[in-house]
Amino acid sequence: MRSIGTFLLLALTLAALVVGAGQLGLFSGQTPDGLGVREARLKAPAQTPNSVSSQAGLYAGHPQRSYADIAPFAYTGDGQAALRRLATLLQASERCVLVTQAPDYLYAQCSTRWLNFTDDVEFYLDASAGVIHVRSASRIGRSDLGTNRARVEALRARFATSGKAPKLPQKQ
């Protein structure tokens, strides 16, 4: 019985140390090189399963092409207005900081709740195609356990509903 108590105490101490290290920013990583848009492309997906990109299909032979593939954001009307709407949603997102806002590009850093793992999230307005491309990648770790995909899909759902006019009550 005593060894179980000791084990539990050690496990709780270790968990507290790991969370404390995360809260101090020890798991945030460094901003990667190569972010931004070059020749109408965002950076390629990561070499490990910890990123998503709506442009993954442009990187033939990439080892994570299938895993990373995600749809771009669709919009109607003014593309720059849609990108500004997306910027507003990013600014309202918990643990997300909008770092760069340009007429055709957004860059945000989003972090996880407990360990403060930082992900780099980019958006590129491709007005000629009528879409906003997205890339979201973890800075460290081999796997993101689906975090980047879940974040992008949650943001997509908020984006889709944010552009709709409220319904007016119908007359009886």
C-alpha atoms as a PDB file:
ATOM      1  CA  MET A   1       0.000   0.000   0.000  1.00  0.00           C
ATOM      2  CA  ARG A   2       2.860   2.303   0.839  1.00  0.00           C
ATOM      3  CA  SER A   3       4.493   1.840  -2.578  1.00  0.00           C
ATOM      4  CA  ILE A   4       1.233   2.782  -4.361  1.00  0.00           C
ATOM      5  CA  GLY A   5       1.054   6.003  -2.350  1.00  0.00           C
ATOM      6  CA  THR A   6       4.672   6.808  -3.145  1.00  0.00           C
ATOM      7  CA  PHE A   7       4.072   6.100  -6.818  1.00  0.00           C
ATOM      8  CA  LEU A   8       0.998   8.353  -6.882  1.00  0.00           C
ATOM      9  CA  LEU A   9       2.879  11.138  -5.136  1.00  0.00           C
ATOM     10  CA  LEU A  10       5.739  10.870  -7.645  1.00  0.00           C
ATOM     11  CA  ALA A  11       3.303  10.803 -10.585  1.00  0.00           C
ATOM     12  CA  LEU A  12       1.471  13.898  -9.324  1.00  0.00           C
ATOM     13  CA  THR A  13       4.755  15.707  -8.701  1.00  0.00           C
ATOM     14  CA  LEU A  14       5.978  14.888 -12.199  1.00  0.00           C
ATOM     15  CA  ALA A  15       2.675  16.026 -13.748  1.00  0.00           C
ATOM     16  CA  ALA A  16       2.860  19.311 -11.817  1.00  0.00           C
ATOM     17  CA  LEU A  17       6.447  19.859 -12.984  1.00  0.00           C
ATOM     18  CA  VAL A  18       5.523  19.223 -16.629  1.00  0.00           C
ATOM     19  CA  VAL A  19       2.521  21.579 -16.496  1.00  0.00           C
ATOM     20  CA  GLY A  20       4.646  24.178 -14.700  1.00  0.00           C
ATOM     21  CA  ALA A  21       7.322  23.926 -17.397  1.00  0.00           C
ATOM     22  CA  GLY A  22       4.648  24.405 -20.049  1.00  0.00           C
ATOM     23  CA  GLN A  23       3.216  27.435 -18.288  1.00  0.00           C
ATOM     24  CA  LEU A  24       6.715  28.949 -18.209  1.00  0.00           C
ATOM     25  CA  GLY A  25       6.882  28.601 -22.006  1.00  0.00           C
ATOM     26  CA  LEU A  26       9.467  25.829 -22.116  1.00  0.00           C
ATOM     27  CA  PHE A  27       7.394  23.940 -24.749  1.00  0.00           C
ATOM     28  CA  SER A  28       6.549  26.889 -27.009  1.00  0.00           C
ATOM     29  CA  GLY A  29       9.391  26.332 -29.489  1.00  0.00           C
ATOM     30  CA  GLN A  30      10.838  28.861 -31.923  1.00  0.00           C
ATOM     31  CA  THR A  31       9.070  30.640 -34.785  1.00  0.00           C
ATOM     32  CA  PRO A  32      10.004  28.631 -37.889  1.00  0.00           C
ATOM     33  CA  ASP A  33      11.697  30.079 -40.950  1.00  0.00           C
ATOM     34  CA  GLY A  34       9.845  30.224 -44.242  1.00  0.00           C
ATOM     35  CA  LEU A  35       6.449  31.393 -43.068  1.00  0.00           C
ATOM     36  CA  GLY A  36       4.469  33.652 -45.379  1.00  0.00           C
ATOM     37  CA  VAL A  37       3.462  33.442 -49.022  1.00  0.00           C
ATOM     38  CA  ARG A  38       5.960  32.746 -51.770  1.00  0.00           C
ATOM     39  CA  GLU A  39       4.781  32.351 -55.351  1.00  0.00           C
ATOM     40  CA  ALA A  40       1.166  32.001 -54.144  1.00  0.00           C
ATOM     41  CA  ARG A  41       2.126  29.178 -51.750  1.00  0.00           C
ATOM     42  CA  LEU A  42       2.228  28.818 -48.007  1.00  0.00           C
ATOM     43  CA  LYS A  43       5.044  26.778 -46.497  1.00  0.00           C
ATOM     44  CA  ALA A  44       4.860  23.028 -47.174  1.00  0.00           C
ATOM     45  CA  PRO A  45       3.316  20.765 -44.539  1.00  0.00           C
ATOM     46  CA  ALA A  46       5.608  19.451 -41.812  1.00  0.00           C
ATOM     47  CA  GLN A  47       7.571  16.250 -42.416  1.00  0.00           C
ATOM     48  CA  THR A  48       5.766  14.609 -39.471  1.00  0.00           C
ATOM     49  CA  PRO A  49       2.010  14.261 -38.794  1.00  0.00           C
ATOM     50  CA  ASN A  50       1.622  17.549 -36.932  1.00  0.00           C
ATOM     51  CA  SER A  51       0.273  19.984 -39.531  1.00  0.00           C
ATOM     52  CA  VAL A  52      -2.570  20.616 -41.956  1.00  0.00           C
ATOM     53  CA  SER A  53      -2.514  22.577 -45.215  1.00  0.00           C
ATOM     54  CA  SER A  54      -5.097  23.337 -47.875  1.00  0.00           C
ATOM     55  CA  GLN A  55      -2.175  23.439 -50.308  1.00  0.00           C
ATOM     56  CA  ALA A  56      -0.778  20.008 -49.394  1.00  0.00           C
ATOM     57  CA  GLY A  57      -1.708  18.793 -52.882  1.00  0.00           C
ATOM     58  CA  LEU A  58       0.815  21.211 -54.404  1.00  0.00           C
ATOM     59  CA  TYR A  59       3.677  19.249 -52.827  1.00  0.00           C
ATOM     60  CA  ALA A  60       3.767  16.029 -54.854  1.00  0.00           C
ATOM     61  CA  GLY A  61       5.615  13.216 -53.126  1.00  0.00           C
ATOM     62  CA  HIS A  62       5.467  14.892 -49.720  1.00  0.00           C
ATOM     63  CA  PRO A  63       5.423  12.186 -47.004  1.00  0.00           C
ATOM     64  CA  GLN A  64       2.567  13.842 -45.071  1.00  0.00           C
ATOM     65  CA  ARG A  65       0.554  15.057 -48.062  1.00  0.00           C
ATOM     66  CA  SER A  66      -2.441  12.847 -47.349  1.00  0.00           C
ATOM     67  CA  TYR A  67      -2.432  13.448 -43.585  1.00  0.00           C
ATOM     68  CA  ALA A  68      -2.061  17.225 -43.961  1.00  0.00           C
ATOM     69  CA  ASP A  69      -4.699  17.741 -46.660  1.00  0.00           C
ATOM     70  CA  ILE A  70      -7.562  19.992 -45.560  1.00  0.00           C
ATOM     71  CA  ALA A  71     -10.005  22.141 -47.534  1.00  0.00           C
ATOM     72  CA  PRO A  72      -9.445  25.876 -47.930  1.00  0.00           C
ATOM     73  CA  PHE A  73     -11.990  28.308 -46.486  1.00  0.00           C
ATOM     74  CA  ALA A  74     -14.741  29.187 -48.952  1.00  0.00           C
ATOM     75  CA  TYR A  75     -16.265  32.650 -48.994  1.00  0.00           C
ATOM     76  CA  THR A  76     -18.629  34.715 -51.116  1.00  0.00           C
ATOM     77  CA  GLY A  77     -18.332  38.379 -51.974  1.00  0.00           C
ATOM     78  CA  ASP A  78     -15.329  40.515 -51.110  1.00  0.00           C
ATOM     79  CA  GLY A  79     -12.256  38.391 -50.320  1.00  0.00           C
ATOM     80  CA  GLN A  80     -10.523  41.061 -48.253  1.00  0.00           C
ATOM     81  CA  ALA A  81     -13.677  41.511 -46.177  1.00  0.00           C
ATOM     82  CA  ALA A  82     -13.740  37.733 -45.634  1.00  0.00           C
ATOM     83  CA  LEU A  83     -10.090  37.798 -44.528  1.00  0.00           C
ATOM     84  CA  ARG A  84     -10.834  40.666 -42.109  1.00  0.00           C
ATOM     85  CA  ARG A  85     -13.739  38.619 -40.706  1.00  0.00           C
ATOM     86  CA  LEU A  86     -11.341  35.726 -40.204  1.00  0.00           C
ATOM     87  CA  ALA A  87      -8.864  38.070 -38.452  1.00  0.00           C
ATOM     88  CA  THR A  88     -11.621  39.151 -36.063  1.00  0.00           C
ATOM     89  CA  LEU A  89     -12.391  35.510 -35.259  1.00  0.00           C
ATOM     90  CA  LEU A  90      -8.709  34.772 -34.612  1.00  0.00           C
ATOM     91  CA  GLN A  91      -8.429  37.772 -32.282  1.00  0.00           C
ATOM     92  CA  ALA A  92     -11.462  36.516 -30.349  1.00  0.00           C
ATOM     93  CA  SER A  93     -10.046  32.989 -30.038  1.00  0.00           C
ATOM     94  CA  GLU A  94      -8.642  31.894 -26.685  1.00  0.00           C
ATOM     95  CA  ARG A  95      -4.875  31.419 -26.551  1.00  0.00           C
ATOM     96  CA  CYS A  96      -4.471  32.849 -30.058  1.00  0.00           C
ATOM     97  CA  VAL A  97      -2.497  35.974 -30.974  1.00  0.00           C
ATOM     98  CA  LEU A  98      -2.773  37.594 -34.400  1.00  0.00           C
ATOM     99  CA  VAL A  99       0.814  38.488 -35.292  1.00  0.00           C
ATOM    100  CA  THR A 100       0.544  39.657 -38.910  1.00  0.00           C
ATOM    101  CA  GLN A 101      -2.413  41.071 -40.816  1.00  0.00           C
ATOM    102  CA  ALA A 102      -1.952  42.071 -44.468  1.00  0.00           C
ATOM    103  CA  PRO A 103      -4.503  42.505 -47.290  1.00  0.00           C
ATOM    104  CA  ASP A 104      -3.969  38.911 -48.466  1.00  0.00           C
ATOM    105  CA  TYR A 105      -2.290  37.180 -45.492  1.00  0.00           C
ATOM    106  CA  LEU A 106      -2.835  36.449 -41.801  1.00  0.00           C
ATOM    107  CA  TYR A 107      -0.410  34.856 -39.365  1.00  0.00           C
ATOM    108  CA  ALA A 108      -1.378  33.837 -35.844  1.00  0.00           C
ATOM    109  CA  GLN A 109       0.240  31.923 -33.017  1.00  0.00           C
ATOM    110  CA  CYS A 110      -2.081  29.674 -31.033  1.00  0.00           C
ATOM    111  CA  SER A 111      -1.112  27.745 -27.927  1.00  0.00           C
ATOM    112  CA  THR A 112      -2.530  24.749 -26.108  1.00  0.00           C
ATOM    113  CA  ARG A 113      -4.110  25.210 -22.711  1.00  0.00           C
ATOM    114  CA  TRP A 114      -1.949  23.295 -20.268  1.00  0.00           C
ATOM    115  CA  LEU A 115       1.470  22.900 -21.840  1.00  0.00           C
ATOM    116  CA  ASN A 116       1.526  26.020 -24.060  1.00  0.00           C
ATOM    117  CA  PHE A 117       2.656  24.148 -27.161  1.00  0.00           C
ATOM    118  CA  THR A 118       2.620  26.838 -29.870  1.00  0.00           C
ATOM    119  CA  ASP A 119       1.206  26.284 -33.347  1.00  0.00           C
ATOM    120  CA  ASP A 120       1.751  28.627 -36.292  1.00  0.00           C
ATOM    121  CA  VAL A 121      -1.450  29.310 -38.238  1.00  0.00           C
ATOM    122  CA  GLU A 122      -1.377  31.063 -41.618  1.00  0.00           C
ATOM    123  CA  PHE A 123      -4.053  32.144 -44.076  1.00  0.00           C
ATOM    124  CA  TYR A 124      -3.583  33.275 -47.673  1.00  0.00           C
ATOM    125  CA  LEU A 125      -6.344  34.963 -49.652  1.00  0.00           C
ATOM    126  CA  ASP A 126      -6.354  33.518 -53.171  1.00  0.00           C
ATOM    127  CA  ALA A 127      -8.921  35.909 -54.655  1.00  0.00           C
ATOM    128  CA  SER A 128      -8.558  34.470 -58.164  1.00  0.00           C
ATOM    129  CA  ALA A 129      -9.659  31.052 -56.858  1.00  0.00           C
ATOM    130  CA  GLY A 130     -12.204  32.525 -54.431  1.00  0.00           C
ATOM    131  CA  VAL A 131     -10.744  30.759 -51.374  1.00  0.00           C
ATOM    132  CA  ILE A 132      -8.617  31.410 -48.319  1.00  0.00           C
ATOM    133  CA  HIS A 133      -5.856  28.834 -47.991  1.00  0.00           C
ATOM    134  CA  VAL A 134      -4.802  27.691 -44.534  1.00  0.00           C
ATOM    135  CA  ARG A 135      -1.750  26.088 -42.979  1.00  0.00           C
ATOM    136  CA  SER A 136      -1.508  25.204 -39.292  1.00  0.00           C
ATOM    137  CA  ALA A 137       1.540  23.440 -37.855  1.00  0.00           C
ATOM    138  CA  SER A 138       2.943  22.527 -34.472  1.00  0.00           C
ATOM    139  CA  ARG A 139       6.414  23.823 -33.724  1.00  0.00           C
ATOM    140  CA  ILE A 140       7.591  20.824 -31.755  1.00  0.00           C
ATOM    141  CA  GLY A 141       6.671  17.161 -31.460  1.00  0.00           C
ATOM    142  CA  ARG A 142       6.154  14.408 -33.995  1.00  0.00           C
ATOM    143  CA  SER A 143       2.370  14.370 -33.677  1.00  0.00           C
ATOM    144  CA  ASP A 144      -0.222  16.977 -32.782  1.00  0.00           C
ATOM    145  CA  LEU A 145      -2.897  14.359 -31.950  1.00  0.00           C
ATOM    146  CA  GLY A 146      -5.241  16.136 -34.381  1.00  0.00           C
ATOM    147  CA  THR A 147      -5.063  19.520 -32.639  1.00  0.00           C
ATOM    148  CA  ASN A 148      -4.318  21.580 -35.767  1.00  0.00           C
ATOM    149  CA  ARG A 149      -7.127  19.973 -37.780  1.00  0.00           C
ATOM    150  CA  ALA A 150      -9.597  20.405 -34.924  1.00  0.00           C
ATOM    151  CA  ARG A 151      -8.639  24.078 -34.502  1.00  0.00           C
ATOM    152  CA  VAL A 152      -8.994  24.814 -38.223  1.00  0.00           C
ATOM    153  CA  GLU A 153     -12.340  23.018 -38.484  1.00  0.00           C
ATOM    154  CA  ALA A 154     -13.703  24.844 -35.412  1.00  0.00           C
ATOM    155  CA  LEU A 155     -12.568  28.143 -36.907  1.00  0.00           C
ATOM    156  CA  ARG A 156     -14.127  27.178 -40.261  1.00  0.00           C
ATOM    157  CA  ALA A 157     -17.473  26.534 -38.559  1.00  0.00           C
ATOM    158  CA  ARG A 158     -17.334  29.929 -36.800  1.00  0.00           C
ATOM    159  CA  PHE A 159     -16.296  31.610 -40.060  1.00  0.00           C
ATOM    160  CA  ALA A 160     -19.195  30.026 -41.964  1.00  0.00           C
ATOM    161  CA  THR A 161     -21.765  31.293 -39.484  1.00  0.00           C
ATOM    162  CA  SER A 162     -20.164  34.715 -38.916  1.00  0.00           C
ATOM    163  CA  GLY A 163     -20.919  35.946 -42.424  1.00  0.00           C
ATOM    164  CA  LYS A 164     -24.625  35.137 -42.381  1.00  0.00           C
ATOM    165  CA  ALA A 165     -27.167  37.855 -41.771  1.00  0.00           C
ATOM    166  CA  PRO A 166     -29.415  37.231 -38.792  1.00  0.00           C
ATOM    167  CA  LYS A 167     -32.855  35.917 -39.629  1.00  0.00           C
ATOM    168  CA  LEU A 168     -35.664  38.389 -39.104  1.00  0.00           C
ATOM    169  CA  PRO A 169     -38.798  37.172 -37.363  1.00  0.00           C
ATOM    170  CA  GLN A 170     -41.568  36.344 -39.775  1.00  0.00           C
ATOM    171  CA  LYS A 171     -44.881  38.175 -39.514  1.00  0.00           C
ATOM    172  CA  GLN A 172     -47.803  36.086 -38.349  1.00  0.00           C
END
